[in-house]
Each structure stands twice: as structure tokens, then as C-alpha cells.
Amino acid sequence: RYNITAIVNDKFQLDLPKYEEQGRINLSMFFAL
């Protein structure tokens, strides 16, 4: 499970270093389609 709260900074925006640390987000096959 992707840890979403870990990539949100104090300004409620994307924390790019933490995002790059976890890597790209992946979706289930059905959700993607």
C-alpha cells in the first residue's frame, strides 16, 4: 500500500523527495483500465 500521508508536506502539497523515495504510484489493473 502506498503511504500517501508520507508524501504530503506541512503545506498540504507534494513532498517531492519523499515521493521519489517511495517511487511511482501504481494502480490495480481494473483501476487503471
PDB file of all heavy atoms in Angstrom:
ATOM      1  N   ARG A   1       0.837  -1.191   0.000  1.00  0.00           N
ATOM      2  CA  ARG A   1       0.000   0.000   0.000  1.00  0.00           C
ATOM      3  C   ARG A   1       0.883   1.258   0.000  1.00  0.00           C
ATOM      4  O   ARG A   1       1.847   1.352   0.759  1.00  0.00           O
ATOM      5  CB  ARG A   1      -0.885   0.041   1.247  1.00  0.00           C
ATOM      6  CG  ARG A   1      -1.958  -1.026   1.283  1.00  0.00           C
ATOM      7  CD  ARG A   1      -3.188  -0.644   0.498  1.00  0.00           C
ATOM      8  NE  ARG A   1      -4.235  -1.638   0.643  1.00  0.00           N
ATOM      9  CZ  ARG A   1      -5.174  -1.619   1.585  1.00  0.00           C
ATOM     10  NH1 ARG A   1      -5.194  -0.634   2.475  1.00  0.00           N
ATOM     11  NH2 ARG A   1      -6.089  -2.567   1.632  1.00  0.00           N
ATOM     12  N   TYR A   2       0.556   2.188  -0.852  1.00  0.00           N
ATOM     13  CA  TYR A   2       1.336   3.415  -0.939  1.00  0.00           C
ATOM     14  C   TYR A   2       1.015   4.287   0.276  1.00  0.00           C
ATOM     15  O   TYR A   2      -0.150   4.517   0.597  1.00  0.00           O
ATOM     16  CB  TYR A   2       1.003   4.167  -2.222  1.00  0.00           C
ATOM     17  CG  TYR A   2       2.126   5.048  -2.721  1.00  0.00           C
ATOM     18  CD1 TYR A   2       3.024   4.574  -3.669  1.00  0.00           C
ATOM     19  CD2 TYR A   2       2.299   6.345  -2.241  1.00  0.00           C
ATOM     20  CE1 TYR A   2       4.055   5.372  -4.142  1.00  0.00           C
ATOM     21  CE2 TYR A   2       3.323   7.141  -2.699  1.00  0.00           C
ATOM     22  CZ  TYR A   2       4.205   6.656  -3.648  1.00  0.00           C
ATOM     23  OH  TYR A   2       5.232   7.446  -4.104  1.00  0.00           O
ATOM     24  N   ASN A   3       2.049   4.790   0.936  1.00  0.00           N
ATOM     25  CA  ASN A   3       1.870   5.651   2.117  1.00  0.00           C
ATOM     26  C   ASN A   3       1.650   7.087   1.643  1.00  0.00           C
ATOM     27  O   ASN A   3       2.602   7.840   1.442  1.00  0.00           O
ATOM     28  CB  ASN A   3       3.088   5.540   3.029  1.00  0.00           C
ATOM     29  CG  ASN A   3       2.882   6.277   4.346  1.00  0.00           C
ATOM     30  OD1 ASN A   3       1.875   6.967   4.540  1.00  0.00           O
ATOM     31  ND2 ASN A   3       3.827   6.136   5.254  1.00  0.00           N
ATOM     32  N   ILE A   4       0.397   7.465   1.471  1.00  0.00           N
ATOM     33  CA  ILE A   4       0.076   8.786   0.921  1.00  0.00           C
ATOM     34  C   ILE A   4       0.467   9.897   1.882  1.00  0.00           C
ATOM     35  O   ILE A   4       1.025  10.923   1.478  1.00  0.00           O
ATOM     36  CB  ILE A   4      -1.426   8.869   0.581  1.00  0.00           C
ATOM     37  CG1 ILE A   4      -1.807   7.777  -0.422  1.00  0.00           C
ATOM     38  CG2 ILE A   4      -1.768  10.245   0.036  1.00  0.00           C
ATOM     39  CD1 ILE A   4      -1.079   7.848  -1.722  1.00  0.00           C
ATOM     40  N   THR A   5       0.178   9.713   3.164  1.00  0.00           N
ATOM     41  CA  THR A   5       0.458  10.785   4.129  1.00  0.00           C
ATOM     42  C   THR A   5       1.944  11.114   4.193  1.00  0.00           C
ATOM     43  O   THR A   5       2.318  12.234   4.546  1.00  0.00           O
ATOM     44  CB  THR A   5      -0.052  10.386   5.531  1.00  0.00           C
ATOM     45  OG1 THR A   5       0.537   9.135   5.921  1.00  0.00           O
ATOM     46  CG2 THR A   5      -1.563  10.238   5.526  1.00  0.00           C
ATOM     47  N   ALA A   6       2.792  10.155   3.838  1.00  0.00           N
ATOM     48  CA  ALA A   6       4.236  10.395   3.898  1.00  0.00           C
ATOM     49  C   ALA A   6       4.710  11.341   2.809  1.00  0.00           C
ATOM     50  O   ALA A   6       5.797  11.925   2.926  1.00  0.00           O
ATOM     51  CB  ALA A   6       4.990   9.065   3.799  1.00  0.00           C
ATOM     52  N   ILE A   7       3.957  11.511   1.745  1.00  0.00           N
ATOM     53  CA  ILE A   7       4.398  12.388   0.654  1.00  0.00           C
ATOM     54  C   ILE A   7       3.665  13.728   0.654  1.00  0.00           C
ATOM     55  O   ILE A   7       3.712  14.456  -0.330  1.00  0.00           O
ATOM     56  CB  ILE A   7       4.223  11.681  -0.715  1.00  0.00           C
ATOM     57  CG1 ILE A   7       2.756  11.382  -1.003  1.00  0.00           C
ATOM     58  CG2 ILE A   7       5.046  10.410  -0.772  1.00  0.00           C
ATOM     59  CD1 ILE A   7       2.508  10.849  -2.409  1.00  0.00           C
ATOM     60  N   VAL A   8       2.970  14.033   1.765  1.00  0.00           N
ATOM     61  CA  VAL A   8       2.289  15.326   1.904  1.00  0.00           C
ATOM     62  C   VAL A   8       3.063  16.152   2.917  1.00  0.00           C
ATOM     63  O   VAL A   8       3.253  15.732   4.064  1.00  0.00           O
ATOM     64  CB  VAL A   8       0.829  15.142   2.367  1.00  0.00           C
ATOM     65  CG1 VAL A   8       0.121  16.495   2.425  1.00  0.00           C
ATOM     66  CG2 VAL A   8       0.089  14.190   1.453  1.00  0.00           C
ATOM     67  N   ASN A   9       3.524  17.338   2.515  1.00  0.00           N
ATOM     68  CA  ASN A   9       4.295  18.172   3.429  1.00  0.00           C
ATOM     69  C   ASN A   9       3.392  19.036   4.302  1.00  0.00           C
ATOM     70  O   ASN A   9       2.167  18.948   4.239  1.00  0.00           O
ATOM     71  CB  ASN A   9       5.307  19.033   2.665  1.00  0.00           C
ATOM     72  CG  ASN A   9       4.625  20.005   1.702  1.00  0.00           C
ATOM     73  OD1 ASN A   9       3.454  20.360   1.852  1.00  0.00           O
ATOM     74  ND2 ASN A   9       5.360  20.447   0.690  1.00  0.00           N
ATOM     75  N   ASP A  10       4.006  19.890   5.108  1.00  0.00           N
ATOM     76  CA  ASP A  10       3.244  20.727   6.043  1.00  0.00           C
ATOM     77  C   ASP A  10       2.327  21.714   5.341  1.00  0.00           C
ATOM     78  O   ASP A  10       1.357  22.199   5.934  1.00  0.00           O
ATOM     79  CB  ASP A  10       4.210  21.491   6.966  1.00  0.00           C
ATOM     80  CG  ASP A  10       4.999  20.557   7.865  1.00  0.00           C
ATOM     81  OD1 ASP A  10       4.507  19.423   8.090  1.00  0.00           O
ATOM     82  OD2 ASP A  10       6.101  20.932   8.317  1.00  0.00           O
ATOM     83  N   LYS A  11       2.638  22.062   4.094  1.00  0.00           N
ATOM     84  CA  LYS A  11       1.800  22.996   3.341  1.00  0.00           C
ATOM     85  C   LYS A  11       0.697  22.289   2.550  1.00  0.00           C
ATOM     86  O   LYS A  11       0.037  22.911   1.723  1.00  0.00           O
ATOM     87  CB  LYS A  11       2.677  23.813   2.379  1.00  0.00           C
ATOM     88  CG  LYS A  11       3.683  24.711   3.081  1.00  0.00           C
ATOM     89  CD  LYS A  11       4.495  25.512   2.065  1.00  0.00           C
ATOM     90  CE  LYS A  11       5.481  26.431   2.755  1.00  0.00           C
ATOM     91  NZ  LYS A  11       6.283  27.228   1.777  1.00  0.00           N
ATOM     92  N   PHE A  12       0.498  21.010   2.855  1.00  0.00           N
ATOM     93  CA  PHE A  12      -0.510  20.209   2.169  1.00  0.00           C
ATOM     94  C   PHE A  12      -0.224  20.157   0.670  1.00  0.00           C
ATOM     95  O   PHE A  12      -1.131  20.254  -0.158  1.00  0.00           O
ATOM     96  CB  PHE A  12      -1.909  20.772   2.415  1.00  0.00           C
ATOM     97  CG  PHE A  12      -2.980  19.699   2.463  1.00  0.00           C
ATOM     98  CD1 PHE A  12      -4.126  19.877   3.197  1.00  0.00           C
ATOM     99  CD2 PHE A  12      -2.832  18.506   1.765  1.00  0.00           C
ATOM    100  CE1 PHE A  12      -5.114  18.898   3.251  1.00  0.00           C
ATOM    101  CE2 PHE A  12      -3.804  17.528   1.806  1.00  0.00           C
ATOM    102  CZ  PHE A  12      -4.955  17.717   2.560  1.00  0.00           C
ATOM    103  N   GLN A  13       1.058  19.967   0.328  1.00  0.00           N
ATOM    104  CA  GLN A  13       1.476  19.848  -1.058  1.00  0.00           C
ATOM    105  C   GLN A  13       2.390  18.635  -1.191  1.00  0.00           C
ATOM    106  O   GLN A  13       2.772  18.011  -0.192  1.00  0.00           O
ATOM    107  CB  GLN A  13       2.184  21.125  -1.524  1.00  0.00           C
ATOM    108  CG  GLN A  13       1.311  22.362  -1.500  1.00  0.00           C
ATOM    109  CD  GLN A  13       2.064  23.617  -1.907  1.00  0.00           C
ATOM    110  OE1 GLN A  13       3.139  23.554  -2.492  1.00  0.00           O
ATOM    111  NE2 GLN A  13       1.493  24.779  -1.594  1.00  0.00           N
ATOM    112  N   LEU A  14       2.751  18.300  -2.402  1.00  0.00           N
ATOM    113  CA  LEU A  14       3.582  17.126  -2.649  1.00  0.00           C
ATOM    114  C   LEU A  14       4.997  17.345  -2.129  1.00  0.00           C
ATOM    115  O   LEU A  14       5.648  18.338  -2.451  1.00  0.00           O
ATOM    116  CB  LEU A  14       3.625  16.817  -4.149  1.00  0.00           C
ATOM    117  CG  LEU A  14       4.500  15.630  -4.573  1.00  0.00           C
ATOM    118  CD1 LEU A  14       3.946  14.325  -4.029  1.00  0.00           C
ATOM    119  CD2 LEU A  14       4.616  15.576  -6.097  1.00  0.00           C
ATOM    120  N   ASP A  15       5.458  16.396  -1.310  1.00  0.00           N
ATOM    121  CA  ASP A  15       6.841  16.382  -0.836  1.00  0.00           C
ATOM    122  C   ASP A  15       7.633  15.544  -1.841  1.00  0.00           C
ATOM    123  O   ASP A  15       7.658  14.313  -1.764  1.00  0.00           O
ATOM    124  CB  ASP A  15       6.914  15.773   0.563  1.00  0.00           C
ATOM    125  CG  ASP A  15       8.285  15.951   1.201  1.00  0.00           C
ATOM    126  OD1 ASP A  15       9.286  15.900   0.464  1.00  0.00           O
ATOM    127  OD2 ASP A  15       8.360  16.130   2.431  1.00  0.00           O
ATOM    128  N   LEU A  16       8.278  16.216  -2.796  1.00  0.00           N
ATOM    129  CA  LEU A  16       8.903  15.523  -3.911  1.00  0.00           C
ATOM    130  C   LEU A  16       9.990  14.540  -3.476  1.00  0.00           C
ATOM    131  O   LEU A  16      10.042  13.408  -3.988  1.00  0.00           O
ATOM    132  CB  LEU A  16       9.462  16.534  -4.906  1.00  0.00           C
ATOM    133  CG  LEU A  16       9.870  15.978  -6.271  1.00  0.00           C
ATOM    134  CD1 LEU A  16       8.721  15.222  -6.928  1.00  0.00           C
ATOM    135  CD2 LEU A  16      10.368  17.099  -7.176  1.00  0.00           C
ATOM    136  N   PRO A  17      10.887  14.891  -2.533  1.00  0.00           N
ATOM    137  CA  PRO A  17      11.895  13.910  -2.109  1.00  0.00           C
ATOM    138  C   PRO A  17      11.273  12.642  -1.524  1.00  0.00           C
ATOM    139  O   PRO A  17      11.738  11.530  -1.789  1.00  0.00           O
ATOM    140  CB  PRO A  17      12.712  14.680  -1.058  1.00  0.00           C
ATOM    141  CG  PRO A  17      12.544  16.118  -1.439  1.00  0.00           C
ATOM    142  CD  PRO A  17      11.148  16.227  -1.936  1.00  0.00           C
ATOM    143  N   LYS A  18      10.226  12.800  -0.705  1.00  0.00           N
ATOM    144  CA  LYS A  18       9.572  11.620  -0.126  1.00  0.00           C
ATOM    145  C   LYS A  18       8.868  10.798  -1.211  1.00  0.00           C
ATOM    146  O   LYS A  18       8.825   9.559  -1.133  1.00  0.00           O
ATOM    147  CB  LYS A  18       8.558  12.067   0.939  1.00  0.00           C
ATOM    148  CG  LYS A  18       9.184  12.689   2.166  1.00  0.00           C
ATOM    149  CD  LYS A  18       9.939  11.660   2.973  1.00  0.00           C
ATOM    150  CE  LYS A  18      10.518  12.264   4.254  1.00  0.00           C
ATOM    151  NZ  LYS A  18       9.477  12.712   5.182  1.00  0.00           N
ATOM    152  N   TYR A  19       8.318  11.487  -2.206  1.00  0.00           N
ATOM    153  CA  TYR A  19       7.673  10.780  -3.311  1.00  0.00           C
ATOM    154  C   TYR A  19       8.703   9.964  -4.088  1.00  0.00           C
ATOM    155  O   TYR A  19       8.473   8.792  -4.420  1.00  0.00           O
ATOM    156  CB  TYR A  19       6.965  11.767  -4.236  1.00  0.00           C
ATOM    157  CG  TYR A  19       6.479  11.152  -5.533  1.00  0.00           C
ATOM    158  CD1 TYR A  19       5.348  10.342  -5.566  1.00  0.00           C
ATOM    159  CD2 TYR A  19       7.177  11.368  -6.729  1.00  0.00           C
ATOM    160  CE1 TYR A  19       4.920   9.755  -6.752  1.00  0.00           C
ATOM    161  CE2 TYR A  19       6.743  10.796  -7.921  1.00  0.00           C
ATOM    162  CZ  TYR A  19       5.620   9.995  -7.926  1.00  0.00           C
ATOM    163  OH  TYR A  19       5.198   9.423  -9.105  1.00  0.00           O
ATOM    164  N   GLU A  20       9.845  10.568  -4.392  1.00  0.00           N
ATOM    165  CA  GLU A  20      10.886   9.857  -5.130  1.00  0.00           C
ATOM    166  C   GLU A  20      11.454   8.698  -4.315  1.00  0.00           C
ATOM    167  O   GLU A  20      11.896   7.687  -4.871  1.00  0.00           O
ATOM    168  CB  GLU A  20      12.003  10.836  -5.517  1.00  0.00           C
ATOM    169  CG  GLU A  20      11.537  11.862  -6.543  1.00  0.00           C
ATOM    170  CD  GLU A  20      12.606  12.902  -6.845  1.00  0.00           C
ATOM    171  OE1 GLU A  20      13.593  12.969  -6.067  1.00  0.00           O
ATOM    172  OE2 GLU A  20      12.459  13.641  -7.838  1.00  0.00           O
ATOM    173  N   GLU A  21      11.423   8.844  -2.997  1.00  0.00           N
ATOM    174  CA  GLU A  21      11.906   7.770  -2.129  1.00  0.00           C
ATOM    175  C   GLU A  21      10.993   6.541  -2.220  1.00  0.00           C
ATOM    176  O   GLU A  21      11.467   5.401  -2.262  1.00  0.00           O
ATOM    177  CB  GLU A  21      11.968   8.266  -0.685  1.00  0.00           C
ATOM    178  CG  GLU A  21      12.492   7.241   0.308  1.00  0.00           C
ATOM    179  CD  GLU A  21      12.536   7.805   1.717  1.00  0.00           C
ATOM    180  OE1 GLU A  21      12.743   9.032   1.880  1.00  0.00           O
ATOM    181  OE2 GLU A  21      12.344   7.024   2.659  1.00  0.00           O
ATOM    182  N   GLN A  22       9.676   6.758  -2.237  1.00  0.00           N
ATOM    183  CA  GLN A  22       8.727   5.641  -2.348  1.00  0.00           C
ATOM    184  C   GLN A  22       8.611   5.127  -3.782  1.00  0.00           C
ATOM    185  O   GLN A  22       8.306   3.969  -4.015  1.00  0.00           O
ATOM    186  CB  GLN A  22       7.330   6.057  -1.861  1.00  0.00           C
ATOM    187  CG  GLN A  22       7.152   5.960  -0.359  1.00  0.00           C
ATOM    188  CD  GLN A  22       5.683   5.914   0.019  1.00  0.00           C
ATOM    189  OE1 GLN A  22       5.047   4.859  -0.034  1.00  0.00           O
ATOM    190  NE2 GLN A  22       5.150   7.051   0.408  1.00  0.00           N
ATOM    191  N   GLY A  23       8.815   6.011  -4.729  1.00  0.00           N
ATOM    192  CA  GLY A  23       8.717   5.607  -6.129  1.00  0.00           C
ATOM    193  C   GLY A  23       7.361   5.931  -6.731  1.00  0.00           C
ATOM    194  O   GLY A  23       6.480   6.505  -6.085  1.00  0.00           O
ATOM    195  N   ARG A  24       7.218   5.594  -7.996  1.00  0.00           N
ATOM    196  CA  ARG A  24       5.994   5.911  -8.713  1.00  0.00           C
ATOM    197  C   ARG A  24       4.784   5.186  -8.127  1.00  0.00           C
ATOM    198  O   ARG A  24       4.904   4.087  -7.591  1.00  0.00           O
ATOM    199  CB  ARG A  24       6.139   5.525 -10.191  1.00  0.00           C
ATOM    200  CG  ARG A  24       7.167   6.347 -10.945  1.00  0.00           C
ATOM    201  CD  ARG A  24       7.289   5.858 -12.376  1.00  0.00           C
ATOM    202  NE  ARG A  24       8.220   6.685 -13.161  1.00  0.00           N
ATOM    203  CZ  ARG A  24       8.514   6.489 -14.434  1.00  0.00           C
ATOM    204  NH1 ARG A  24       7.942   5.465 -15.075  1.00  0.00           N
ATOM    205  NH2 ARG A  24       9.352   7.272 -15.072  1.00  0.00           N
ATOM    206  N   ILE A  25       3.628   5.819  -8.282  1.00  0.00           N
ATOM    207  CA  ILE A  25       2.375   5.214  -7.846  1.00  0.00           C
ATOM    208  C   ILE A  25       1.911   4.192  -8.885  1.00  0.00           C
ATOM    209  O   ILE A  25       2.004   4.418 -10.091  1.00  0.00           O
ATOM    210  CB  ILE A  25       1.297   6.300  -7.634  1.00  0.00           C
ATOM    211  CG1 ILE A  25       1.566   7.035  -6.310  1.00  0.00           C
ATOM    212  CG2 ILE A  25      -0.106   5.723  -7.650  1.00  0.00           C
ATOM    213  CD1 ILE A  25       0.601   8.149  -6.019  1.00  0.00           C
ATOM    214  N   ASN A  26       1.418   3.070  -8.392  1.00  0.00           N
ATOM    215  CA  ASN A  26       0.896   2.017  -9.257  1.00  0.00           C
ATOM    216  C   ASN A  26      -0.573   1.760  -8.929  1.00  0.00           C
ATOM    217  O   ASN A  26      -1.001   1.898  -7.772  1.00  0.00           O
ATOM    218  CB  ASN A  26       1.694   0.724  -9.065  1.00  0.00           C
ATOM    219  CG  ASN A  26       3.127   0.866  -9.523  1.00  0.00           C
ATOM    220  OD1 ASN A  26       3.459   0.586 -10.670  1.00  0.00           O
ATOM    221  ND2 ASN A  26       4.006   1.311  -8.620  1.00  0.00           N
ATOM    222  N   LEU A  27      -1.326   1.382  -9.946  1.00  0.00           N
ATOM    223  CA  LEU A  27      -2.753   1.127  -9.805  1.00  0.00           C
ATOM    224  C   LEU A  27      -3.048  -0.340 -10.068  1.00  0.00           C
ATOM    225  O   LEU A  27      -2.307  -1.019 -10.789  1.00  0.00           O
ATOM    226  CB  LEU A  27      -3.558   1.975 -10.802  1.00  0.00           C
ATOM    227  CG  LEU A  27      -3.221   3.462 -10.908  1.00  0.00           C
ATOM    228  CD1 LEU A  27      -4.061   4.111 -12.005  1.00  0.00           C
ATOM    229  CD2 LEU A  27      -3.455   4.169  -9.581  1.00  0.00           C
ATOM    230  N   SER A  28      -4.145  -0.828  -9.484  1.00  0.00           N
ATOM    231  CA  SER A  28      -4.595  -2.166  -9.844  1.00  0.00           C
ATOM    232  C   SER A  28      -4.998  -2.168 -11.314  1.00  0.00           C
ATOM    233  O   SER A  28      -5.292  -1.119 -11.895  1.00  0.00           O
ATOM    234  CB  SER A  28      -5.774  -2.586  -8.970  1.00  0.00           C
ATOM    235  OG  SER A  28      -6.945  -1.877  -9.336  1.00  0.00           O
ATOM    236  N   MET A  29      -5.021  -3.369 -11.909  1.00  0.00           N
ATOM    237  CA  MET A  29      -5.335  -3.461 -13.328  1.00  0.00           C
ATOM    238  C   MET A  29      -6.709  -2.871 -13.636  1.00  0.00           C
ATOM    239  O   MET A  29      -6.880  -2.123 -14.602  1.00  0.00           O
ATOM    240  CB  MET A  29      -5.308  -4.937 -13.764  1.00  0.00           C
ATOM    241  CG  MET A  29      -5.417  -5.122 -15.278  1.00  0.00           C
ATOM    242  SD  MET A  29      -3.941  -4.542 -16.130  1.00  0.00           S
ATOM    243  CE  MET A  29      -4.339  -2.878 -16.576  1.00  0.00           C
ATOM    244  N   PHE A  30      -7.666  -3.179 -12.794  1.00  0.00           N
ATOM    245  CA  PHE A  30      -9.013  -2.683 -13.067  1.00  0.00           C
ATOM    246  C   PHE A  30      -9.093  -1.171 -12.892  1.00  0.00           C
ATOM    247  O   PHE A  30      -9.747  -0.482 -13.684  1.00  0.00           O
ATOM    248  CB  PHE A  30     -10.038  -3.363 -12.154  1.00  0.00           C
ATOM    249  CG  PHE A  30     -11.448  -3.037 -12.541  1.00  0.00           C
ATOM    250  CD1 PHE A  30     -12.101  -3.795 -13.500  1.00  0.00           C
ATOM    251  CD2 PHE A  30     -12.116  -1.974 -11.984  1.00  0.00           C
ATOM    252  CE1 PHE A  30     -13.392  -3.486 -13.893  1.00  0.00           C
ATOM    253  CE2 PHE A  30     -13.409  -1.659 -12.362  1.00  0.00           C
ATOM    254  CZ  PHE A  30     -14.050  -2.419 -13.319  1.00  0.00           C
ATOM    255  N   PHE A  31      -8.439  -0.626 -11.868  1.00  0.00           N
ATOM    256  CA  PHE A  31      -8.484   0.814 -11.627  1.00  0.00           C
ATOM    257  C   PHE A  31      -7.831   1.567 -12.780  1.00  0.00           C
ATOM    258  O   PHE A  31      -8.319   2.618 -13.212  1.00  0.00           O
ATOM    259  CB  PHE A  31      -7.783   1.131 -10.306  1.00  0.00           C
ATOM    260  CG  PHE A  31      -8.221   2.433  -9.681  1.00  0.00           C
ATOM    261  CD1 PHE A  31      -9.408   3.046 -10.030  1.00  0.00           C
ATOM    262  CD2 PHE A  31      -7.427   3.042  -8.713  1.00  0.00           C
ATOM    263  CE1 PHE A  31      -9.814   4.236  -9.440  1.00  0.00           C
ATOM    264  CE2 PHE A  31      -7.820   4.235  -8.117  1.00  0.00           C
ATOM    265  CZ  PHE A  31      -9.013   4.831  -8.484  1.00  0.00           C
ATOM    266  N   ALA A  32      -6.722   1.043 -13.293  1.00  0.00           N
ATOM    267  CA  ALA A  32      -6.048   1.701 -14.414  1.00  0.00           C
ATOM    268  C   ALA A  32      -6.937   1.709 -15.652  1.00  0.00           C
ATOM    269  O   ALA A  32      -7.094   2.734 -16.330  1.00  0.00           O
ATOM    270  CB  ALA A  32      -4.725   0.997 -14.713  1.00  0.00           C
ATOM    271  N   LEU A  33      -7.540   0.542 -15.960  1.00  0.00           N
ATOM    272  CA  LEU A  33      -8.399   0.480 -17.131  1.00  0.00           C
ATOM    273  C   LEU A  33      -9.693   1.263 -16.939  1.00  0.00           C
ATOM    274  O   LEU A  33     -10.299   1.714 -17.909  1.00  0.00           O
ATOM    275  CB  LEU A  33      -8.713  -0.978 -17.471  1.00  0.00           C
ATOM    276  CG  LEU A  33      -7.552  -1.787 -18.066  1.00  0.00           C
ATOM    277  CD1 LEU A  33      -8.017  -3.183 -18.454  1.00  0.00           C
ATOM    278  CD2 LEU A  33      -6.945  -1.090 -19.270  1.00  0.00           C
TER     279      LEU A  33
END
